[in-house]
Amino acid sequence: MKILILLFGLTAAFGAAGKKTTSDLKEMKHRQELKELQRYPNLLPEVVITISRDSLIK
């Protein structure tokens, strides 16, 4: 019985370690993508909205 509990504990520990590793790898990949994108300029178009003062008074 003790061996079964020990095996279950080891299996759970390996599962948790694997889950943590995949989480860390995803986070590192996300950081790397952000670093790569910081090298590029802002590619979004700039929109400037202008309005004359006369149209605000009416």
C-alpha atoms as a PDB file:
ATOM      1  CA  MET A   1       0.000   0.000   0.000  1.00  0.00           C
ATOM      2  CA  LYS A   2       2.847   2.362   0.837  1.00  0.00           C
ATOM      3  CA  ILE A   3       4.435   1.636  -2.538  1.00  0.00           C
ATOM      4  CA  LEU A   4       1.220   2.585  -4.340  1.00  0.00           C
ATOM      5  CA  ILE A   5       1.010   5.863  -2.442  1.00  0.00           C
ATOM      6  CA  LEU A   6       4.682   6.547  -3.226  1.00  0.00           C
ATOM      7  CA  LEU A   7       4.152   5.788  -6.934  1.00  0.00           C
ATOM      8  CA  PHE A   8       1.074   8.011  -7.018  1.00  0.00           C
ATOM      9  CA  GLY A   9       3.029  10.817  -5.346  1.00  0.00           C
ATOM     10  CA  LEU A  10       5.900  10.496  -7.805  1.00  0.00           C
ATOM     11  CA  THR A  11       3.491  10.486 -10.750  1.00  0.00           C
ATOM     12  CA  ALA A  12       1.769  13.600  -9.433  1.00  0.00           C
ATOM     13  CA  ALA A  13       5.144  15.302  -8.896  1.00  0.00           C
ATOM     14  CA  PHE A  14       6.295  14.526 -12.438  1.00  0.00           C
ATOM     15  CA  GLY A  15       2.981  15.759 -13.809  1.00  0.00           C
ATOM     16  CA  ALA A  16       3.236  19.022 -11.892  1.00  0.00           C
ATOM     17  CA  ALA A  17       6.843  19.511 -13.011  1.00  0.00           C
ATOM     18  CA  GLY A  18       5.859  18.914 -16.629  1.00  0.00           C
ATOM     19  CA  LYS A  19       2.971  21.344 -16.380  1.00  0.00           C
ATOM     20  CA  LYS A  20       5.246  24.014 -14.870  1.00  0.00           C
ATOM     21  CA  THR A  21       7.824  23.459 -17.604  1.00  0.00           C
ATOM     22  CA  THR A  22       5.278  23.899 -20.404  1.00  0.00           C
ATOM     23  CA  SER A  23       3.938  27.024 -18.704  1.00  0.00           C
ATOM     24  CA  ASP A  24       7.456  28.464 -18.468  1.00  0.00           C
ATOM     25  CA  LEU A  25       8.181  27.644 -22.116  1.00  0.00           C
ATOM     26  CA  LYS A  26       4.993  29.403 -23.253  1.00  0.00           C
ATOM     27  CA  GLU A  27       5.891  32.471 -21.191  1.00  0.00           C
ATOM     28  CA  MET A  28       9.421  32.553 -22.637  1.00  0.00           C
ATOM     29  CA  LYS A  29       8.034  32.268 -26.164  1.00  0.00           C
ATOM     30  CA  HIS A  30       5.631  35.137 -25.490  1.00  0.00           C
ATOM     31  CA  ARG A  31       8.469  37.334 -24.154  1.00  0.00           C
ATOM     32  CA  GLN A  32      10.622  36.512 -27.174  1.00  0.00           C
ATOM     33  CA  GLU A  33       7.809  37.520 -29.556  1.00  0.00           C
ATOM     34  CA  LEU A  34       7.380  40.834 -27.725  1.00  0.00           C
ATOM     35  CA  LYS A  35      11.115  41.538 -27.937  1.00  0.00           C
ATOM     36  CA  GLU A  36      11.081  40.832 -31.675  1.00  0.00           C
ATOM     37  CA  LEU A  37       8.113  43.132 -32.218  1.00  0.00           C
ATOM     38  CA  GLN A  38       9.761  46.003 -30.320  1.00  0.00           C
ATOM     39  CA  ARG A  39      12.316  46.327 -33.111  1.00  0.00           C
ATOM     40  CA  TYR A  40       9.637  47.245 -35.637  1.00  0.00           C
ATOM     41  CA  PRO A  41       8.101  50.712 -35.784  1.00  0.00           C
ATOM     42  CA  ASN A  42       4.459  51.256 -35.022  1.00  0.00           C
ATOM     43  CA  LEU A  43       2.723  50.103 -38.178  1.00  0.00           C
ATOM     44  CA  LEU A  44      -0.712  51.395 -37.241  1.00  0.00           C
ATOM     45  CA  PRO A  45      -1.966  54.357 -39.248  1.00  0.00           C
ATOM     46  CA  GLU A  46      -2.135  57.666 -37.436  1.00  0.00           C
ATOM     47  CA  VAL A  47      -5.570  59.256 -37.486  1.00  0.00           C
ATOM     48  CA  VAL A  48      -5.829  62.979 -36.821  1.00  0.00           C
ATOM     49  CA  ILE A  49      -9.298  64.399 -36.272  1.00  0.00           C
ATOM     50  CA  THR A  50      -9.588  68.138 -36.783  1.00  0.00           C
ATOM     51  CA  ILE A  51     -12.632  70.335 -36.324  1.00  0.00           C
ATOM     52  CA  SER A  52     -13.044  74.055 -36.782  1.00  0.00           C
ATOM     53  CA  ARG A  53     -14.136  76.267 -33.883  1.00  0.00           C
ATOM     54  CA  ASP A  54     -17.062  77.602 -35.944  1.00  0.00           C
ATOM     55  CA  SER A  55     -18.734  74.210 -36.069  1.00  0.00           C
ATOM     56  CA  LEU A  56     -18.535  73.911 -32.262  1.00  0.00           C
ATOM     57  CA  ILE A  57     -20.335  77.210 -31.662  1.00  0.00           C
ATOM     58  CA  LYS A  58     -23.432  76.317 -33.737  1.00  0.00           C
END
